[in-house]
């Protein structure tokens, strides 16, 4: 017979461990997304956008909207906006970063993680 107290402790330990692993993985993804945001040969997002919450980068982008509160949007919505913004906004100036193979799906996922974490 399983001791309920031991089972509860084991379950809580598993949840805490899983959360710590996820947080560490998400932190690495956010860091990678920041690199995509600021690197000219990658996303170069800062050329057009400023981003609330990251004072360590130039806030000179003023062609596109200022990016804030993006954690309020589903990840899938932001992914699609970056992958191919023409699907939702006709004649947008933003290039389709995924459709034109400028960024990989993983890089877009990282960029979304960065934007959602940074613009809270």
PDB file of N, CA and C in Angstrom:
ATOM      1  N   UNK A   1       0.836  -1.180   0.000  1.00  0.00           N
ATOM      2  CA  UNK A   1       0.000   0.000   0.000  1.00  0.00           C
ATOM      3  C   UNK A   1       0.888   1.254   0.000  1.00  0.00           C
ATOM      4  N   UNK A   2       0.542   2.212  -0.828  1.00  0.00           N
ATOM      5  CA  UNK A   2       1.349   3.430  -0.970  1.00  0.00           C
ATOM      6  C   UNK A   2       0.975   4.417   0.126  1.00  0.00           C
ATOM      7  N   UNK A   3       1.979   4.963   0.740  1.00  0.00           N
ATOM      8  CA  UNK A   3       1.776   5.981   1.763  1.00  0.00           C
ATOM      9  C   UNK A   3       1.384   7.284   1.066  1.00  0.00           C
ATOM     10  N   UNK A   4       0.228   7.827   1.386  1.00  0.00           N
ATOM     11  CA  UNK A   4      -0.298   9.029   0.731  1.00  0.00           C
ATOM     12  C   UNK A   4       0.629  10.225   0.935  1.00  0.00           C
ATOM     13  N   UNK A   5       1.224  10.328   2.116  1.00  0.00           N
ATOM     14  CA  UNK A   5       2.123  11.447   2.407  1.00  0.00           C
ATOM     15  C   UNK A   5       3.362  11.380   1.515  1.00  0.00           C
ATOM     16  N   UNK A   6       3.938  10.189   1.355  1.00  0.00           N
ATOM     17  CA  UNK A   6       5.112  10.025   0.498  1.00  0.00           C
ATOM     18  C   UNK A   6       4.763  10.311  -0.957  1.00  0.00           C
ATOM     19  N   UNK A   7       3.572   9.877  -1.364  1.00  0.00           N
ATOM     20  CA  UNK A   7       3.121  10.125  -2.736  1.00  0.00           C
ATOM     21  C   UNK A   7       2.959  11.617  -2.989  1.00  0.00           C
ATOM     22  N   UNK A   8       2.388  12.330  -2.025  1.00  0.00           N
ATOM     23  CA  UNK A   8       2.203  13.780  -2.152  1.00  0.00           C
ATOM     24  C   UNK A   8       3.554  14.488  -2.248  1.00  0.00           C
ATOM     25  N   UNK A   9       4.486  14.110  -1.395  1.00  0.00           N
ATOM     26  CA  UNK A   9       5.827  14.714  -1.408  1.00  0.00           C
ATOM     27  C   UNK A   9       6.514  14.449  -2.746  1.00  0.00           C
ATOM     28  N   UNK A  10       6.429  13.221  -3.232  1.00  0.00           N
ATOM     29  CA  UNK A  10       7.054  12.868  -4.510  1.00  0.00           C
ATOM     30  C   UNK A  10       6.427  13.654  -5.658  1.00  0.00           C
ATOM     31  N   UNK A  11       5.113  13.818  -5.628  1.00  0.00           N
ATOM     32  CA  UNK A  11       4.418  14.573  -6.670  1.00  0.00           C
ATOM     33  C   UNK A  11       4.826  16.040  -6.647  1.00  0.00           C
ATOM     34  N   UNK A  12       4.854  16.637  -5.459  1.00  0.00           N
ATOM     35  CA  UNK A  12       5.258  18.041  -5.343  1.00  0.00           C
ATOM     36  C   UNK A  12       6.705  18.239  -5.775  1.00  0.00           C
ATOM     37  N   UNK A  13       7.586  17.320  -5.403  1.00  0.00           N
ATOM     38  CA  UNK A  13       8.985  17.405  -5.820  1.00  0.00           C
ATOM     39  C   UNK A  13       9.084  17.347  -7.343  1.00  0.00           C
ATOM     40  N   UNK A  14       8.308  16.471  -7.952  1.00  0.00           N
ATOM     41  CA  UNK A  14       8.299  16.357  -9.408  1.00  0.00           C
ATOM     42  C   UNK A  14       7.830  17.634 -10.073  1.00  0.00           C
ATOM     43  N   UNK A  15       6.802  18.271  -9.504  1.00  0.00           N
ATOM     44  CA  UNK A  15       6.297  19.527 -10.070  1.00  0.00           C
ATOM     45  C   UNK A  15       7.326  20.644  -9.949  1.00  0.00           C
ATOM     46  N   UNK A  16       7.968  20.717  -8.785  1.00  0.00           N
ATOM     47  CA  UNK A  16       8.984  21.753  -8.578  1.00  0.00           C
ATOM     48  C   UNK A  16      10.153  21.542  -9.528  1.00  0.00           C
ATOM     49  N   UNK A  17      10.606  20.314  -9.664  1.00  0.00           N
ATOM     50  CA  UNK A  17      11.718  20.005 -10.566  1.00  0.00           C
ATOM     51  C   UNK A  17      11.353  20.330 -12.007  1.00  0.00           C
ATOM     52  N   UNK A  18      10.158  19.951 -12.434  1.00  0.00           N
ATOM     53  CA  UNK A  18       9.700  20.232 -13.798  1.00  0.00           C
ATOM     54  C   UNK A  18       9.635  21.734 -14.037  1.00  0.00           C
ATOM     55  N   UNK A  19       9.127  22.485 -13.051  1.00  0.00           N
ATOM     56  CA  UNK A  19       9.032  23.943 -13.180  1.00  0.00           C
ATOM     57  C   UNK A  19      10.408  24.571 -13.304  1.00  0.00           C
ATOM     58  N   UNK A  20      11.368  24.068 -12.511  1.00  0.00           N
ATOM     59  CA  UNK A  20      12.728  24.614 -12.565  1.00  0.00           C
ATOM     60  C   UNK A  20      13.370  24.335 -13.915  1.00  0.00           C
ATOM     61  N   UNK A  21      13.184  23.143 -14.447  1.00  0.00           N
ATOM     62  CA  UNK A  21      13.736  22.798 -15.756  1.00  0.00           C
ATOM     63  C   UNK A  21      13.094  23.667 -16.836  1.00  0.00           C
ATOM     64  N   UNK A  22      11.767  23.847 -16.766  1.00  0.00           N
ATOM     65  CA  UNK A  22      11.069  24.685 -17.745  1.00  0.00           C
ATOM     66  C   UNK A  22      11.570  26.122 -17.668  1.00  0.00           C
ATOM     67  N   UNK A  23      11.707  26.653 -16.453  1.00  0.00           N
ATOM     68  CA  UNK A  23      12.164  28.033 -16.294  1.00  0.00           C
ATOM     69  C   UNK A  23      13.557  28.214 -16.872  1.00  0.00           C
ATOM     70  N   UNK A  24      14.449  27.258 -16.625  1.00  0.00           N
ATOM     71  CA  UNK A  24      15.810  27.340 -17.163  1.00  0.00           C
ATOM     72  C   UNK A  24      15.788  27.257 -18.681  1.00  0.00           C
ATOM     73  N   UNK A  25      14.963  26.372 -19.225  1.00  0.00           N
ATOM     74  CA  UNK A  25      14.843  26.249 -20.678  1.00  0.00           C
ATOM     75  C   UNK A  25      14.236  27.488 -21.291  1.00  0.00           C
ATOM     76  N   UNK A  26      13.230  28.047 -20.630  1.00  0.00           N
ATOM     77  CA  UNK A  26      12.577  29.250 -21.137  1.00  0.00           C
ATOM     78  C   UNK A  26      13.538  30.438 -21.076  1.00  0.00           C
ATOM     79  N   UNK A  27      14.360  30.499 -20.046  1.00  0.00           N
ATOM     80  CA  UNK A  27      15.344  31.578 -19.912  1.00  0.00           C
ATOM     81  C   UNK A  27      16.327  31.550 -21.087  1.00  0.00           C
ATOM     82  N   UNK A  28      16.763  30.361 -21.461  1.00  0.00           N
ATOM     83  CA  UNK A  28      17.674  30.213 -22.605  1.00  0.00           C
ATOM     84  C   UNK A  28      16.972  30.620 -23.896  1.00  0.00           C
ATOM     85  N   UNK A  29      15.696  30.262 -24.032  1.00  0.00           N
ATOM     86  CA  UNK A  29      14.928  30.614 -25.223  1.00  0.00           C
ATOM     87  C   UNK A  29      14.735  32.126 -25.310  1.00  0.00           C
ATOM     88  N   UNK A  30      14.455  32.764 -24.182  1.00  0.00           N
ATOM     89  CA  UNK A  30      14.295  34.221 -24.133  1.00  0.00           C
ATOM     90  C   UNK A  30      15.597  34.900 -24.541  1.00  0.00           C
ATOM     91  N   UNK A  31      16.708  34.395 -24.045  1.00  0.00           N
ATOM     92  CA  UNK A  31      18.024  34.955 -24.387  1.00  0.00           C
ATOM     93  C   UNK A  31      18.288  34.825 -25.889  1.00  0.00           C
ATOM     94  N   UNK A  32      17.943  33.668 -26.432  1.00  0.00           N
ATOM     95  CA  UNK A  32      18.116  33.457 -27.876  1.00  0.00           C
ATOM     96  C   UNK A  32      17.199  34.396 -28.672  1.00  0.00           C
ATOM     97  N   UNK A  33      15.988  34.589 -28.179  1.00  0.00           N
ATOM     98  CA  UNK A  33      15.046  35.490 -28.845  1.00  0.00           C
ATOM     99  C   UNK A  33      15.532  36.930 -28.849  1.00  0.00           C
ATOM    100  N   UNK A  34      16.171  37.345 -27.768  1.00  0.00           N
ATOM    101  CA  UNK A  34      16.734  38.704 -27.711  1.00  0.00           C
ATOM    102  C   UNK A  34      17.799  38.867 -28.786  1.00  0.00           C
ATOM    103  N   UNK A  35      18.607  37.817 -28.944  1.00  0.00           N
ATOM    104  CA  UNK A  35      19.654  37.859 -29.969  1.00  0.00           C
ATOM    105  C   UNK A  35      19.035  38.012 -31.359  1.00  0.00           C
ATOM    106  N   UNK A  36      17.950  37.292 -31.616  1.00  0.00           N
ATOM    107  CA  UNK A  36      17.249  37.408 -32.902  1.00  0.00           C
ATOM    108  C   UNK A  36      16.733  38.832 -33.079  1.00  0.00           C
ATOM    109  N   UNK A  37      16.189  39.413 -32.017  1.00  0.00           N
ATOM    110  CA  UNK A  37      15.608  40.753 -32.072  1.00  0.00           C
ATOM    111  C   UNK A  37      16.648  41.812 -32.444  1.00  0.00           C
ATOM    112  N   UNK A  38      17.845  41.701 -31.894  1.00  0.00           N
ATOM    113  CA  UNK A  38      18.838  42.763 -32.065  1.00  0.00           C
ATOM    114  C   UNK A  38      19.861  42.533 -33.169  1.00  0.00           C
ATOM    115  N   UNK A  39      19.989  41.311 -33.680  1.00  0.00           N
ATOM    116  CA  UNK A  39      21.037  41.000 -34.645  1.00  0.00           C
ATOM    117  C   UNK A  39      20.597  41.320 -36.069  1.00  0.00           C
ATOM    118  N   UNK A  40      21.373  42.147 -36.739  1.00  0.00           N
ATOM    119  CA  UNK A  40      21.022  42.584 -38.098  1.00  0.00           C
ATOM    120  C   UNK A  40      20.864  41.431 -39.071  1.00  0.00           C
ATOM    121  N   UNK A  41      21.716  40.423 -38.963  1.00  0.00           N
ATOM    122  CA  UNK A  41      21.638  39.309 -39.917  1.00  0.00           C
ATOM    123  C   UNK A  41      20.551  38.307 -39.557  1.00  0.00           C
ATOM    124  N   UNK A  42      19.893  38.506 -38.447  1.00  0.00           N
ATOM    125  CA  UNK A  42      18.788  37.624 -38.056  1.00  0.00           C
ATOM    126  C   UNK A  42      17.484  38.412 -38.230  1.00  0.00           C
ATOM    127  N   UNK A  43      16.826  38.725 -37.121  1.00  0.00           N
ATOM    128  CA  UNK A  43      15.545  39.419 -37.215  1.00  0.00           C
ATOM    129  C   UNK A  43      15.671  40.909 -37.482  1.00  0.00           C
ATOM    130  N   UNK A  44      16.669  41.524 -36.845  1.00  0.00           N
ATOM    131  CA  UNK A  44      16.874  42.964 -36.946  1.00  0.00           C
ATOM    132  C   UNK A  44      15.590  43.732 -36.618  1.00  0.00           C
ATOM    133  N   UNK A  45      14.836  43.223 -35.670  1.00  0.00           N
ATOM    134  CA  UNK A  45      13.542  43.805 -35.317  1.00  0.00           C
ATOM    135  C   UNK A  45      13.673  45.236 -34.800  1.00  0.00           C
ATOM    136  N   UNK A  46      14.787  45.531 -34.112  1.00  0.00           N
ATOM    137  CA  UNK A  46      14.940  46.865 -33.550  1.00  0.00           C
ATOM    138  C   UNK A  46      15.087  47.949 -34.604  1.00  0.00           C
ATOM    139  N   UNK A  47      15.281  47.570 -35.849  1.00  0.00           N
ATOM    140  CA  UNK A  47      15.329  48.578 -36.921  1.00  0.00           C
ATOM    141  C   UNK A  47      13.970  49.254 -37.085  1.00  0.00           C
ATOM    142  N   UNK A  48      12.903  48.520 -36.785  1.00  0.00           N
ATOM    143  CA  UNK A  48      11.552  49.055 -36.976  1.00  0.00           C
ATOM    144  C   UNK A  48      10.754  49.184 -35.683  1.00  0.00           C
ATOM    145  N   UNK A  49      11.114  48.414 -34.664  1.00  0.00           N
ATOM    146  CA  UNK A  49      10.328  48.375 -33.433  1.00  0.00           C
ATOM    147  C   UNK A  49      11.155  48.779 -32.221  1.00  0.00           C
ATOM    148  N   UNK A  50      10.509  49.447 -31.272  1.00  0.00           N
ATOM    149  CA  UNK A  50      11.070  49.585 -29.934  1.00  0.00           C
ATOM    150  C   UNK A  50      10.324  48.576 -29.073  1.00  0.00           C
ATOM    151  N   UNK A  51      10.960  48.147 -27.993  1.00  0.00           N
ATOM    152  CA  UNK A  51      10.371  47.116 -27.156  1.00  0.00           C
ATOM    153  C   UNK A  51      10.391  47.550 -25.696  1.00  0.00           C
ATOM    154  N   UNK A  52       9.207  47.599 -25.109  1.00  0.00           N
ATOM    155  CA  UNK A  52       9.091  47.970 -23.701  1.00  0.00           C
ATOM    156  C   UNK A  52       9.727  46.879 -22.857  1.00  0.00           C
ATOM    157  N   UNK A  53      10.522  47.265 -21.878  1.00  0.00           N
ATOM    158  CA  UNK A  53      11.036  46.293 -20.931  1.00  0.00           C
ATOM    159  C   UNK A  53      12.470  45.860 -21.145  1.00  0.00           C
ATOM    160  N   UNK A  54      13.145  46.374 -22.151  1.00  0.00           N
ATOM    161  CA  UNK A  54      14.546  46.003 -22.361  1.00  0.00           C
ATOM    162  C   UNK A  54      15.358  47.282 -22.588  1.00  0.00           C
ATOM    163  N   UNK A  55      15.738  47.939 -21.498  1.00  0.00           N
ATOM    164  CA  UNK A  55      16.478  49.199 -21.629  1.00  0.00           C
ATOM    165  C   UNK A  55      17.896  49.002 -22.166  1.00  0.00           C
ATOM    166  N   UNK A  56      18.340  47.756 -22.282  1.00  0.00           N
ATOM    167  CA  UNK A  56      19.693  47.471 -22.758  1.00  0.00           C
ATOM    168  C   UNK A  56      19.845  47.542 -24.264  1.00  0.00           C
ATOM    169  N   UNK A  57      18.763  47.788 -24.994  1.00  0.00           N
ATOM    170  CA  UNK A  57      18.859  47.887 -26.454  1.00  0.00           C
ATOM    171  C   UNK A  57      18.367  49.262 -26.902  1.00  0.00           C
ATOM    172  N   UNK A  58      18.855  49.745 -28.028  1.00  0.00           N
ATOM    173  CA  UNK A  58      18.399  51.045 -28.528  1.00  0.00           C
ATOM    174  C   UNK A  58      16.892  51.025 -28.791  1.00  0.00           C
ATOM    175  N   UNK A  59      16.218  52.083 -28.416  1.00  0.00           N
ATOM    176  CA  UNK A  59      14.778  52.188 -28.609  1.00  0.00           C
ATOM    177  C   UNK A  59      14.492  53.189 -29.734  1.00  0.00           C
ATOM    178  N   UNK A  60      15.118  52.949 -30.869  1.00  0.00           N
ATOM    179  CA  UNK A  60      15.028  53.904 -31.976  1.00  0.00           C
ATOM    180  C   UNK A  60      14.040  53.500 -33.059  1.00  0.00           C
ATOM    181  N   UNK A  61      13.591  52.248 -33.051  1.00  0.00           N
ATOM    182  CA  UNK A  61      12.682  51.783 -34.092  1.00  0.00           C
ATOM    183  C   UNK A  61      11.345  52.489 -34.012  1.00  0.00           C
ATOM    184  N   UNK A  62      10.956  53.141 -35.108  1.00  0.00           N
ATOM    185  CA  UNK A  62       9.683  53.859 -35.082  1.00  0.00           C
ATOM    186  C   UNK A  62       8.858  53.657 -36.355  1.00  0.00           C
ATOM    187  N   UNK A  63       9.249  52.706 -37.179  1.00  0.00           N
ATOM    188  CA  UNK A  63       8.469  52.407 -38.387  1.00  0.00           C
ATOM    189  C   UNK A  63       7.288  51.510 -38.025  1.00  0.00           C
ATOM    190  N   UNK A  64       7.560  50.489 -37.222  1.00  0.00           N
ATOM    191  CA  UNK A  64       6.518  49.565 -36.780  1.00  0.00           C
ATOM    192  C   UNK A  64       6.000  49.973 -35.418  1.00  0.00           C
ATOM    193  N   UNK A  65       4.983  49.277 -34.937  1.00  0.00           N
ATOM    194  CA  UNK A  65       4.431  49.628 -33.627  1.00  0.00           C
ATOM    195  C   UNK A  65       5.414  49.347 -32.497  1.00  0.00           C
ATOM    196  N   UNK A  66       5.257  50.118 -31.403  1.00  0.00           N
ATOM    197  CA  UNK A  66       6.025  49.850 -30.191  1.00  0.00           C
ATOM    198  C   UNK A  66       5.480  48.572 -29.588  1.00  0.00           C
ATOM    199  N   UNK A  67       6.373  47.687 -29.204  1.00  0.00           N
ATOM    200  CA  UNK A  67       5.968  46.375 -28.721  1.00  0.00           C
ATOM    201  C   UNK A  67       5.849  46.381 -27.202  1.00  0.00           C
ATOM    202  N   UNK A  68       4.633  46.176 -26.725  1.00  0.00           N
ATOM    203  CA  UNK A  68       4.387  46.112 -25.287  1.00  0.00           C
ATOM    204  C   UNK A  68       3.199  45.200 -25.015  1.00  0.00           C
ATOM    205  N   UNK A  69       3.169  44.645 -23.821  1.00  0.00           N
ATOM    206  CA  UNK A  69       2.082  43.772 -23.358  1.00  0.00           C
ATOM    207  C   UNK A  69       1.809  42.597 -24.294  1.00  0.00           C
ATOM    208  N   UNK A  70       2.838  42.076 -24.924  1.00  0.00           N
ATOM    209  CA  UNK A  70       2.645  40.960 -25.851  1.00  0.00           C
ATOM    210  C   UNK A  70       2.383  39.644 -25.140  1.00  0.00           C
ATOM    211  N   UNK A  71       2.594  39.602 -23.832  1.00  0.00           N
ATOM    212  CA  UNK A  71       2.258  38.398 -23.084  1.00  0.00           C
ATOM    213  C   UNK A  71       0.744  38.187 -23.017  1.00  0.00           C
ATOM    214  N   UNK A  72      -0.044  39.194 -23.389  1.00  0.00           N
ATOM    215  CA  UNK A  72      -1.502  39.076 -23.414  1.00  0.00           C
ATOM    216  C   UNK A  72      -2.007  38.324 -24.646  1.00  0.00           C
ATOM    217  N   UNK A  73      -1.139  38.120 -25.622  1.00  0.00           N
ATOM    218  CA  UNK A  73      -1.525  37.436 -26.861  1.00  0.00           C
ATOM    219  C   UNK A  73      -1.077  35.979 -26.826  1.00  0.00           C
ATOM    220  N   UNK A  74      -1.834  35.099 -27.453  1.00  0.00           N
ATOM    221  CA  UNK A  74      -1.387  33.691 -27.545  1.00  0.00           C
ATOM    222  C   UNK A  74      -0.096  33.584 -28.353  1.00  0.00           C
ATOM    223  N   UNK A  75       0.739  32.642 -27.971  1.00  0.00           N
ATOM    224  CA  UNK A  75       2.000  32.422 -28.681  1.00  0.00           C
ATOM    225  C   UNK A  75       1.765  32.157 -30.157  1.00  0.00           C
ATOM    226  N   UNK A  76       0.727  31.395 -30.463  1.00  0.00           N
ATOM    227  CA  UNK A  76       0.453  31.050 -31.865  1.00  0.00           C
ATOM    228  C   UNK A  76       0.123  32.296 -32.693  1.00  0.00           C
ATOM    229  N   UNK A  77      -0.565  33.250 -32.108  1.00  0.00           N
ATOM    230  CA  UNK A  77      -0.900  34.496 -32.802  1.00  0.00           C
ATOM    231  C   UNK A  77       0.377  35.279 -33.126  1.00  0.00           C
ATOM    232  N   UNK A  78       1.250  35.425 -32.132  1.00  0.00           N
ATOM    233  CA  UNK A  78       2.500  36.166 -32.350  1.00  0.00           C
ATOM    234  C   UNK A  78       3.395  35.437 -33.345  1.00  0.00           C
ATOM    235  N   UNK A  79       3.431  34.107 -33.248  1.00  0.00           N
ATOM    236  CA  UNK A  79       4.220  33.327 -34.193  1.00  0.00           C
ATOM    237  C   UNK A  79       3.769  33.639 -35.622  1.00  0.00           C
ATOM    238  N   UNK A  80       2.474  33.600 -35.873  1.00  0.00           N
ATOM    239  CA  UNK A  80       1.946  33.859 -37.222  1.00  0.00           C
ATOM    240  C   UNK A  80       2.220  35.285 -37.674  1.00  0.00           C
ATOM    241  N   UNK A  81       2.150  36.247 -36.753  1.00  0.00           N
ATOM    242  CA  UNK A  81       2.437  37.651 -37.091  1.00  0.00           C
ATOM    243  C   UNK A  81       3.874  37.823 -37.559  1.00  0.00           C
ATOM    244  N   UNK A  82       4.774  37.022 -37.028  1.00  0.00           N
ATOM    245  CA  UNK A  82       6.177  37.103 -37.427  1.00  0.00           C
ATOM    246  C   UNK A  82       6.435  36.230 -38.650  1.00  0.00           C
ATOM    247  N   UNK A  83       5.853  35.044 -38.652  1.00  0.00           N
ATOM    248  CA  UNK A  83       6.078  34.107 -39.753  1.00  0.00           C
ATOM    249  C   UNK A  83       5.586  34.692 -41.076  1.00  0.00           C
ATOM    250  N   UNK A  84       4.361  35.211 -41.083  1.00  0.00           N
ATOM    251  CA  UNK A  84       3.798  35.802 -42.310  1.00  0.00           C
ATOM    252  C   UNK A  84       2.741  36.840 -41.944  1.00  0.00           C
ATOM    253  N   UNK A  85       3.163  38.068 -41.676  1.00  0.00           N
ATOM    254  CA  UNK A  85       2.223  39.106 -41.258  1.00  0.00           C
ATOM    255  C   UNK A  85       1.199  39.475 -42.332  1.00  0.00           C
ATOM    256  N   UNK A  86       1.488  39.135 -43.574  1.00  0.00           N
ATOM    257  CA  UNK A  86       0.547  39.463 -44.653  1.00  0.00           C
ATOM    258  C   UNK A  86      -0.764  38.691 -44.550  1.00  0.00           C
ATOM    259  N   UNK A  87      -0.781  37.615 -43.780  1.00  0.00           N
ATOM    260  CA  UNK A  87      -2.015  36.840 -43.604  1.00  0.00           C
ATOM    261  C   UNK A  87      -3.077  37.639 -42.862  1.00  0.00           C
ATOM    262  N   UNK A  88      -2.654  38.514 -41.971  1.00  0.00           N
ATOM    263  CA  UNK A  88      -3.617  39.269 -41.167  1.00  0.00           C
ATOM    264  C   UNK A  88      -3.664  40.757 -41.500  1.00  0.00           C
ATOM    265  N   UNK A  89      -2.588  41.282 -42.060  1.00  0.00           N
ATOM    266  CA  UNK A  89      -2.551  42.701 -42.416  1.00  0.00           C
ATOM    267  C   UNK A  89      -2.060  42.813 -43.857  1.00  0.00           C
ATOM    268  N   UNK A  90      -2.979  43.124 -44.747  1.00  0.00           N
ATOM    269  CA  UNK A  90      -2.603  43.260 -46.162  1.00  0.00           C
ATOM    270  C   UNK A  90      -1.691  44.474 -46.343  1.00  0.00           C
ATOM    271  N   UNK A  91      -0.711  44.338 -47.184  1.00  0.00           N
ATOM    272  CA  UNK A  91       0.206  45.433 -47.535  1.00  0.00           C
ATOM    273  C   UNK A  91       1.010  45.962 -46.354  1.00  0.00           C
ATOM    274  N   UNK A  92       1.297  45.123 -45.389  1.00  0.00           N
ATOM    275  CA  UNK A  92       2.135  45.540 -44.271  1.00  0.00           C
ATOM    276  C   UNK A  92       3.575  45.711 -44.742  1.00  0.00           C
ATOM    277  N   UNK A  93       4.306  46.569 -44.077  1.00  0.00           N
ATOM    278  CA  UNK A  93       5.720  46.755 -44.399  1.00  0.00           C
ATOM    279  C   UNK A  93       6.590  45.665 -43.772  1.00  0.00           C
ATOM    280  N   UNK A  94       6.041  44.977 -42.784  1.00  0.00           N
ATOM    281  CA  UNK A  94       6.831  43.948 -42.106  1.00  0.00           C
ATOM    282  C   UNK A  94       7.049  42.761 -43.040  1.00  0.00           C
ATOM    283  N   UNK A  95       8.297  42.356 -43.179  1.00  0.00           N
ATOM    284  CA  UNK A  95       8.586  41.200 -44.047  1.00  0.00           C
ATOM    285  C   UNK A  95       8.133  39.895 -43.400  1.00  0.00           C
ATOM    286  N   UNK A  96       7.758  38.928 -44.199  1.00  0.00           N
ATOM    287  CA  UNK A  96       7.386  37.615 -43.672  1.00  0.00           C
ATOM    288  C   UNK A  96       8.648  36.836 -43.277  1.00  0.00           C
ATOM    289  N   UNK A  97       9.032  36.944 -42.037  1.00  0.00           N
ATOM    290  CA  UNK A  97      10.323  36.422 -41.583  1.00  0.00           C
ATOM    291  C   UNK A  97      10.431  34.896 -41.686  1.00  0.00           C
ATOM    292  N   UNK A  98       9.330  34.200 -41.563  1.00  0.00           N
ATOM    293  CA  UNK A  98       9.361  32.745 -41.682  1.00  0.00           C
ATOM    294  C   UNK A  98       9.112  32.290 -43.112  1.00  0.00           C
ATOM    295  N   UNK A  99       8.114  32.888 -43.726  1.00  0.00           N
ATOM    296  CA  UNK A  99       7.759  32.484 -45.082  1.00  0.00           C
ATOM    297  C   UNK A  99       8.905  32.712 -46.065  1.00  0.00           C
ATOM    298  N   UNK A 100       9.666  33.779 -45.844  1.00  0.00           N
ATOM    299  CA  UNK A 100      10.798  34.042 -46.740  1.00  0.00           C
ATOM    300  C   UNK A 100      12.101  33.407 -46.249  1.00  0.00           C
ATOM    301  N   UNK A 101      12.002  32.556 -45.229  1.00  0.00           N
ATOM    302  CA  UNK A 101      13.139  31.777 -44.703  1.00  0.00           C
ATOM    303  C   UNK A 101      14.241  32.639 -44.099  1.00  0.00           C
ATOM    304  N   UNK A 102      13.902  33.821 -43.652  1.00  0.00           N
ATOM    305  CA  UNK A 102      14.863  34.662 -42.937  1.00  0.00           C
ATOM    306  C   UNK A 102      15.119  34.101 -41.537  1.00  0.00           C
ATOM    307  N   UNK A 103      14.043  33.574 -40.903  1.00  0.00           N
ATOM    308  CA  UNK A 103      14.153  32.961 -39.577  1.00  0.00           C
ATOM    309  C   UNK A 103      13.575  31.559 -39.612  1.00  0.00           C
ATOM    310  N   UNK A 104      14.165  30.689 -38.813  1.00  0.00           N
ATOM    311  CA  UNK A 104      13.624  29.339 -38.672  1.00  0.00           C
ATOM    312  C   UNK A 104      12.432  29.380 -37.708  1.00  0.00           C
ATOM    313  N   UNK A 105      11.678  28.300 -37.685  1.00  0.00           N
ATOM    314  CA  UNK A 105      10.558  28.215 -36.743  1.00  0.00           C
ATOM    315  C   UNK A 105      11.063  28.297 -35.307  1.00  0.00           C
ATOM    316  N   UNK A 106      12.194  27.668 -35.035  1.00  0.00           N
ATOM    317  CA  UNK A 106      12.768  27.741 -33.685  1.00  0.00           C
ATOM    318  C   UNK A 106      13.144  29.180 -33.326  1.00  0.00           C
ATOM    319  N   UNK A 107      13.742  29.902 -34.258  1.00  0.00           N
ATOM    320  CA  UNK A 107      14.111  31.297 -33.987  1.00  0.00           C
ATOM    321  C   UNK A 107      12.870  32.159 -33.738  1.00  0.00           C
ATOM    322  N   UNK A 108      11.797  31.880 -34.462  1.00  0.00           N
ATOM    323  CA  UNK A 108      10.559  32.630 -34.235  1.00  0.00           C
ATOM    324  C   UNK A 108       9.982  32.280 -32.871  1.00  0.00           C
ATOM    325  N   UNK A 109      10.031  31.008 -32.490  1.00  0.00           N
ATOM    326  CA  UNK A 109       9.587  30.609 -31.144  1.00  0.00           C
ATOM    327  C   UNK A 109      10.398  31.346 -30.079  1.00  0.00           C
ATOM    328  N   UNK A 110      11.699  31.442 -30.279  1.00  0.00           N
ATOM    329  CA  UNK A 110      12.569  32.144 -29.334  1.00  0.00           C
ATOM    330  C   UNK A 110      12.221  33.628 -29.288  1.00  0.00           C
ATOM    331  N   UNK A 111      11.983  34.216 -30.430  1.00  0.00           N
ATOM    332  CA  UNK A 111      11.617  35.627 -30.501  1.00  0.00           C
ATOM    333  C   UNK A 111      10.300  35.880 -29.771  1.00  0.00           C
ATOM    334  N   UNK A 112       9.336  35.000 -29.962  1.00  0.00           N
ATOM    335  CA  UNK A 112       8.048  35.121 -29.261  1.00  0.00           C
ATOM    336  C   UNK A 112       8.261  35.015 -27.751  1.00  0.00           C
ATOM    337  N   UNK A 113       9.087  34.077 -27.307  1.00  0.00           N
ATOM    338  CA  UNK A 113       9.367  33.925 -25.874  1.00  0.00           C
ATOM    339  C   UNK A 113       9.993  35.208 -25.325  1.00  0.00           C
ATOM    340  N   UNK A 114      10.933  35.771 -26.054  1.00  0.00           N
ATOM    341  CA  UNK A 114      11.574  37.032 -25.637  1.00  0.00           C
ATOM    342  C   UNK A 114      10.550  38.155 -25.552  1.00  0.00           C
ATOM    343  N   UNK A 115       9.733  38.308 -26.567  1.00  0.00           N
ATOM    344  CA  UNK A 115       8.771  39.396 -26.600  1.00  0.00           C
ATOM    345  C   UNK A 115       7.720  39.256 -25.492  1.00  0.00           C
ATOM    346  N   UNK A 116       7.265  38.035 -25.254  1.00  0.00           N
ATOM    347  CA  UNK A 116       6.262  37.845 -24.213  1.00  0.00           C
ATOM    348  C   UNK A 116       6.853  38.071 -22.826  1.00  0.00           C
ATOM    349  N   UNK A 117       8.099  37.697 -22.617  1.00  0.00           N
ATOM    350  CA  UNK A 117       8.731  37.878 -21.328  1.00  0.00           C
ATOM    351  C   UNK A 117       9.130  39.335 -21.099  1.00  0.00           C
ATOM    352  N   UNK A 118       9.639  39.984 -22.112  1.00  0.00           N
ATOM    353  CA  UNK A 118      10.187  41.328 -21.976  1.00  0.00           C
ATOM    354  C   UNK A 118       9.117  42.412 -21.911  1.00  0.00           C
ATOM    355  N   UNK A 119       8.031  42.226 -22.615  1.00  0.00           N
ATOM    356  CA  UNK A 119       7.047  43.310 -22.743  1.00  0.00           C
ATOM    357  C   UNK A 119       5.904  43.230 -21.729  1.00  0.00           C
ATOM    358  N   UNK A 120       6.088  42.476 -20.663  1.00  0.00           N
ATOM    359  CA  UNK A 120       5.036  42.343 -19.639  1.00  0.00           C
ATOM    360  C   UNK A 120       4.667  43.690 -19.058  1.00  0.00           C
TER     361      UNK A 120
END
